[in-house]
Amino acid sequence: MLTLDRQLEHWIVGHRIASLNWLFEALSKAGTFGLIWVLIGFGIALVQRRPAPVLLVAAAVLLGDLESTVGKLLIPRVRPHYHPLLKVPTSHSFPSGHSSTSFAAATVIAAISPRLRIPAFVLAAGIAFSRVYNGVHWPLDVLAGSALGVLIALLLLAGARRVPRRGLQAG
């Protein structure tokens, strides 16, 4: 499985389209610290005239980041170094924090604003894929981060539904 993972990463990096490099570099930068997601949550909060969206999205980003940080401490996987477009982070590779925070936030956004479901998941997938395209993550890092992000968001949303109506209730 790890051999296939390495081969797939090398294939993706080896088949970059130079005219798209700027896009994937920008997607990686947009996903850093989950700021793009918090801004989207803030926009939804303004439209819905309630604070819950930005609070839930920020919580999803923080929990996704925490989960990936713990994962990197438990599983010390070395990052790829095959012609990276970005500076390779010094932290371990597994799971991808960008993927975890992006899919956690996208899942929350899909729940609180269903019309944004598709754009949110397209953006999350773009950010996640950019990490492999840019040569700073293995595909399995991104898949694991994405799955863990969705799981975290579902747990967060389930917890939010238990809060009284005036609280952080989603949807």
C-alpha atoms as a PDB file:
ATOM      1  CA  MET A   1       0.000   0.000   0.000  1.00  0.00           C
ATOM      2  CA  LEU A   2       2.804   2.429   0.868  1.00  0.00           C
ATOM      3  CA  THR A   3       4.580   1.563  -2.374  1.00  0.00           C
ATOM      4  CA  LEU A   4       1.445   2.452  -4.343  1.00  0.00           C
ATOM      5  CA  ASP A   5       1.154   5.631  -2.273  1.00  0.00           C
ATOM      6  CA  ARG A   6       4.694   6.665  -3.214  1.00  0.00           C
ATOM      7  CA  GLN A   7       4.173   5.764  -6.869  1.00  0.00           C
ATOM      8  CA  LEU A   8       0.963   7.793  -7.048  1.00  0.00           C
ATOM      9  CA  GLU A   9       2.631  10.836  -5.447  1.00  0.00           C
ATOM     10  CA  HIS A  10       5.545  10.605  -7.884  1.00  0.00           C
ATOM     11  CA  TRP A  11       3.126  10.248 -10.814  1.00  0.00           C
ATOM     12  CA  ILE A  12       1.068  13.296  -9.770  1.00  0.00           C
ATOM     13  CA  VAL A  13       4.162  15.435  -9.188  1.00  0.00           C
ATOM     14  CA  GLY A  14       5.707  14.164 -12.423  1.00  0.00           C
ATOM     15  CA  HIS A  15       2.614  15.121 -14.415  1.00  0.00           C
ATOM     16  CA  ARG A  16       2.103  18.652 -13.159  1.00  0.00           C
ATOM     17  CA  ILE A  17       0.788  21.186 -15.635  1.00  0.00           C
ATOM     18  CA  ALA A  18       3.047  24.223 -15.315  1.00  0.00           C
ATOM     19  CA  SER A  19       0.256  26.679 -16.116  1.00  0.00           C
ATOM     20  CA  LEU A  20      -1.708  25.340 -13.109  1.00  0.00           C
ATOM     21  CA  ASN A  21       1.107  25.471 -10.559  1.00  0.00           C
ATOM     22  CA  TRP A  22       0.013  28.925  -9.346  1.00  0.00           C
ATOM     23  CA  LEU A  23      -3.505  27.589  -8.662  1.00  0.00           C
ATOM     24  CA  PHE A  24      -2.368  24.669  -6.535  1.00  0.00           C
ATOM     25  CA  GLU A  25       0.164  26.795  -4.692  1.00  0.00           C
ATOM     26  CA  ALA A  26      -2.622  29.314  -3.965  1.00  0.00           C
ATOM     27  CA  LEU A  27      -4.979  26.553  -2.788  1.00  0.00           C
ATOM     28  CA  SER A  28      -2.340  25.269  -0.350  1.00  0.00           C
ATOM     29  CA  LYS A  29      -1.763  28.771   0.975  1.00  0.00           C
ATOM     30  CA  ALA A  30      -5.527  29.403   1.245  1.00  0.00           C
ATOM     31  CA  GLY A  31      -5.877  26.287   3.385  1.00  0.00           C
ATOM     32  CA  THR A  32      -3.116  27.289   5.797  1.00  0.00           C
ATOM     33  CA  PHE A  33      -4.429  27.790   9.343  1.00  0.00           C
ATOM     34  CA  GLY A  34      -7.997  27.269   8.044  1.00  0.00           C
ATOM     35  CA  LEU A  35      -8.440  31.014   7.682  1.00  0.00           C
ATOM     36  CA  ILE A  36     -10.367  30.724   4.397  1.00  0.00           C
ATOM     37  CA  TRP A  37     -12.904  28.509   6.166  1.00  0.00           C
ATOM     38  CA  VAL A  38     -13.345  30.860   9.095  1.00  0.00           C
ATOM     39  CA  LEU A  39     -13.910  33.721   6.635  1.00  0.00           C
ATOM     40  CA  ILE A  40     -16.560  31.671   4.827  1.00  0.00           C
ATOM     41  CA  GLY A  41     -18.160  30.852   8.194  1.00  0.00           C
ATOM     42  CA  PHE A  42     -18.141  34.558   9.041  1.00  0.00           C
ATOM     43  CA  GLY A  43     -19.870  35.335   5.749  1.00  0.00           C
ATOM     44  CA  ILE A  44     -22.540  32.736   6.458  1.00  0.00           C
ATOM     45  CA  ALA A  45     -22.973  34.123   9.981  1.00  0.00           C
ATOM     46  CA  LEU A  46     -23.547  37.595   8.540  1.00  0.00           C
ATOM     47  CA  VAL A  47     -26.109  36.341   6.023  1.00  0.00           C
ATOM     48  CA  GLN A  48     -27.919  34.205   8.612  1.00  0.00           C
ATOM     49  CA  ARG A  49     -27.592  36.930  11.263  1.00  0.00           C
ATOM     50  CA  ARG A  50     -26.427  34.534  13.943  1.00  0.00           C
ATOM     51  CA  PRO A  51     -22.988  33.643  15.321  1.00  0.00           C
ATOM     52  CA  ALA A  52     -23.359  29.852  15.174  1.00  0.00           C
ATOM     53  CA  PRO A  53     -21.894  29.368  11.679  1.00  0.00           C
ATOM     54  CA  VAL A  54     -18.587  31.079  12.352  1.00  0.00           C
ATOM     55  CA  LEU A  55     -18.309  29.460  15.789  1.00  0.00           C
ATOM     56  CA  LEU A  56     -18.984  25.978  14.409  1.00  0.00           C
ATOM     57  CA  VAL A  57     -16.604  26.409  11.476  1.00  0.00           C
ATOM     58  CA  ALA A  58     -13.859  27.779  13.745  1.00  0.00           C
ATOM     59  CA  ALA A  59     -14.380  24.855  16.133  1.00  0.00           C
ATOM     60  CA  ALA A  60     -14.160  22.405  13.225  1.00  0.00           C
ATOM     61  CA  VAL A  61     -10.918  23.996  12.029  1.00  0.00           C
ATOM     62  CA  LEU A  62      -9.406  23.938  15.519  1.00  0.00           C
ATOM     63  CA  LEU A  63     -10.427  20.334  16.147  1.00  0.00           C
ATOM     64  CA  GLY A  64      -9.176  19.283  12.697  1.00  0.00           C
ATOM     65  CA  ASP A  65      -5.849  20.934  13.387  1.00  0.00           C
ATOM     66  CA  LEU A  66      -5.615  19.349  16.833  1.00  0.00           C
ATOM     67  CA  GLU A  67      -6.402  15.919  15.414  1.00  0.00           C
ATOM     68  CA  SER A  68      -3.742  16.228  12.717  1.00  0.00           C
ATOM     69  CA  THR A  69      -1.158  17.491  15.215  1.00  0.00           C
ATOM     70  CA  VAL A  70      -1.777  14.499  17.482  1.00  0.00           C
ATOM     71  CA  GLY A  71      -1.686  12.172  14.476  1.00  0.00           C
ATOM     72  CA  LYS A  72       1.679  13.546  13.394  1.00  0.00           C
ATOM     73  CA  LEU A  73       3.046  12.936  16.898  1.00  0.00           C
ATOM     74  CA  LEU A  74       1.766   9.348  16.929  1.00  0.00           C
ATOM     75  CA  ILE A  75       2.729   8.442  13.350  1.00  0.00           C
ATOM     76  CA  PRO A  76       6.104   9.977  12.435  1.00  0.00           C
ATOM     77  CA  ARG A  77       5.876   9.621   8.649  1.00  0.00           C
ATOM     78  CA  VAL A  78       8.484  11.482   6.600  1.00  0.00           C
ATOM     79  CA  ARG A  79       7.177  13.892   3.972  1.00  0.00           C
ATOM     80  CA  PRO A  80       7.948  13.441   0.281  1.00  0.00           C
ATOM     81  CA  HIS A  81      10.875  15.383  -1.129  1.00  0.00           C
ATOM     82  CA  TYR A  82      10.303  14.750  -4.836  1.00  0.00           C
ATOM     83  CA  HIS A  83      10.477  18.196  -6.478  1.00  0.00           C
ATOM     84  CA  PRO A  84       8.237  20.138  -4.069  1.00  0.00           C
ATOM     85  CA  LEU A  85       6.749  23.427  -5.294  1.00  0.00           C
ATOM     86  CA  LEU A  86       6.456  24.736  -1.750  1.00  0.00           C
ATOM     87  CA  LYS A  87       8.837  24.754   1.178  1.00  0.00           C
ATOM     88  CA  VAL A  88       8.433  21.339   2.787  1.00  0.00           C
ATOM     89  CA  PRO A  89       7.131  21.734   6.356  1.00  0.00           C
ATOM     90  CA  THR A  90       9.321  20.331   9.118  1.00  0.00           C
ATOM     91  CA  SER A  91       6.447  18.475  10.816  1.00  0.00           C
ATOM     92  CA  HIS A  92       5.603  14.873  10.036  1.00  0.00           C
ATOM     93  CA  SER A  93       3.343  14.037   7.139  1.00  0.00           C
ATOM     94  CA  PHE A  94       0.496  11.848   8.451  1.00  0.00           C
ATOM     95  CA  PRO A  95      -2.306  12.939   8.458  1.00  0.00           C
ATOM     96  CA  SER A  96      -2.593  16.075   6.349  1.00  0.00           C
ATOM     97  CA  GLY A  97      -3.662  19.029   8.492  1.00  0.00           C
ATOM     98  CA  HIS A  98      -4.841  21.014   5.460  1.00  0.00           C
ATOM     99  CA  SER A  99      -7.082  18.095   4.470  1.00  0.00           C
ATOM    100  CA  SER A 100      -8.384  17.547   7.980  1.00  0.00           C
ATOM    101  CA  THR A 101      -9.268  21.189   8.621  1.00  0.00           C
ATOM    102  CA  SER A 102     -10.699  21.660   5.127  1.00  0.00           C
ATOM    103  CA  PHE A 103     -12.978  18.641   5.214  1.00  0.00           C
ATOM    104  CA  ALA A 104     -14.053  19.348   8.797  1.00  0.00           C
ATOM    105  CA  ALA A 105     -14.994  22.901   7.828  1.00  0.00           C
ATOM    106  CA  ALA A 106     -16.650  21.854   4.551  1.00  0.00           C
ATOM    107  CA  THR A 107     -18.771  19.280   6.379  1.00  0.00           C
ATOM    108  CA  VAL A 108     -19.937  21.900   8.886  1.00  0.00           C
ATOM    109  CA  ILE A 109     -20.649  24.384   6.093  1.00  0.00           C
ATOM    110  CA  ALA A 110     -22.636  21.752   4.194  1.00  0.00           C
ATOM    111  CA  ALA A 111     -24.768  21.174   7.295  1.00  0.00           C
ATOM    112  CA  ILE A 112     -25.430  24.815   8.138  1.00  0.00           C
ATOM    113  CA  SER A 113     -25.778  26.114   4.584  1.00  0.00           C
ATOM    114  CA  PRO A 114     -26.787  23.259   2.240  1.00  0.00           C
ATOM    115  CA  ARG A 115     -26.629  25.498  -0.858  1.00  0.00           C
ATOM    116  CA  LEU A 116     -22.866  25.796  -0.265  1.00  0.00           C
ATOM    117  CA  ARG A 117     -22.365  22.028   0.066  1.00  0.00           C
ATOM    118  CA  ILE A 118     -20.883  21.449  -3.390  1.00  0.00           C
ATOM    119  CA  PRO A 119     -18.632  24.551  -3.497  1.00  0.00           C
ATOM    120  CA  ALA A 120     -17.391  23.797   0.026  1.00  0.00           C
ATOM    121  CA  PHE A 121     -16.427  20.222  -0.807  1.00  0.00           C
ATOM    122  CA  VAL A 122     -14.891  21.245  -4.144  1.00  0.00           C
ATOM    123  CA  LEU A 123     -12.721  23.786  -2.315  1.00  0.00           C
ATOM    124  CA  ALA A 124     -11.805  21.211   0.360  1.00  0.00           C
ATOM    125  CA  ALA A 125     -10.883  18.651  -2.311  1.00  0.00           C
ATOM    126  CA  GLY A 126      -8.820  21.249  -4.164  1.00  0.00           C
ATOM    127  CA  ILE A 127      -6.921  22.203  -1.024  1.00  0.00           C
ATOM    128  CA  ALA A 128      -6.366  18.545  -0.127  1.00  0.00           C
ATOM    129  CA  PHE A 129      -5.195  17.590  -3.631  1.00  0.00           C
ATOM    130  CA  SER A 130      -2.913  20.626  -3.741  1.00  0.00           C
ATOM    131  CA  ARG A 131      -0.854  19.141  -0.931  1.00  0.00           C
ATOM    132  CA  VAL A 132       0.039  16.113  -3.073  1.00  0.00           C
ATOM    133  CA  TYR A 133       0.363  18.176  -6.268  1.00  0.00           C
ATOM    134  CA  ASN A 134       2.780  20.541  -4.506  1.00  0.00           C
ATOM    135  CA  GLY A 135       4.848  17.592  -3.297  1.00  0.00           C
ATOM    136  CA  VAL A 136       4.464  18.068   0.454  1.00  0.00           C
ATOM    137  CA  HIS A 137       2.136  15.139   1.283  1.00  0.00           C
ATOM    138  CA  TRP A 138       1.543  11.550   0.265  1.00  0.00           C
ATOM    139  CA  PRO A 139      -1.926  10.646  -1.087  1.00  0.00           C
ATOM    140  CA  LEU A 140      -2.703   8.494   1.983  1.00  0.00           C
ATOM    141  CA  ASP A 141      -1.951  11.473   4.244  1.00  0.00           C
ATOM    142  CA  VAL A 142      -4.576  13.475   2.384  1.00  0.00           C
ATOM    143  CA  LEU A 143      -7.167  10.676   2.366  1.00  0.00           C
ATOM    144  CA  ALA A 144      -6.713  10.030   6.086  1.00  0.00           C
ATOM    145  CA  GLY A 145      -6.840  13.743   6.923  1.00  0.00           C
ATOM    146  CA  SER A 146      -9.986  14.179   4.838  1.00  0.00           C
ATOM    147  CA  ALA A 147     -11.770  11.225   6.444  1.00  0.00           C
ATOM    148  CA  LEU A 148     -10.775  12.307   9.948  1.00  0.00           C
ATOM    149  CA  GLY A 149     -11.929  15.851   9.206  1.00  0.00           C
ATOM    150  CA  VAL A 150     -15.375  14.621   8.167  1.00  0.00           C
ATOM    151  CA  LEU A 151     -15.584  12.423  11.274  1.00  0.00           C
ATOM    152  CA  ILE A 152     -14.631  15.314  13.560  1.00  0.00           C
ATOM    153  CA  ALA A 153     -17.222  17.572  11.939  1.00  0.00           C
ATOM    154  CA  LEU A 154     -19.971  14.964  12.276  1.00  0.00           C
ATOM    155  CA  LEU A 155     -19.156  14.553  15.962  1.00  0.00           C
ATOM    156  CA  LEU A 156     -19.074  18.323  16.423  1.00  0.00           C
ATOM    157  CA  LEU A 157     -22.437  18.728  14.681  1.00  0.00           C
ATOM    158  CA  ALA A 158     -23.963  15.938  16.761  1.00  0.00           C
ATOM    159  CA  GLY A 159     -22.757  17.706  19.903  1.00  0.00           C
ATOM    160  CA  ALA A 160     -24.051  21.062  18.656  1.00  0.00           C
ATOM    161  CA  ARG A 161     -27.517  19.570  18.139  1.00  0.00           C
ATOM    162  CA  ARG A 162     -27.604  18.686  21.827  1.00  0.00           C
ATOM    163  CA  VAL A 163     -27.044  22.320  22.875  1.00  0.00           C
ATOM    164  CA  PRO A 164     -30.276  24.182  23.681  1.00  0.00           C
ATOM    165  CA  ARG A 165     -31.901  26.098  20.792  1.00  0.00           C
ATOM    166  CA  ARG A 166     -30.191  29.364  21.759  1.00  0.00           C
ATOM    167  CA  GLY A 167     -26.778  27.702  21.646  1.00  0.00           C
ATOM    168  CA  LEU A 168     -24.681  26.515  18.747  1.00  0.00           C
ATOM    169  CA  GLN A 169     -27.369  24.427  17.106  1.00  0.00           C
ATOM    170  CA  ALA A 170     -26.497  23.569  13.518  1.00  0.00           C
ATOM    171  CA  GLY A 171     -29.110  23.987  10.832  1.00  0.00           C
END
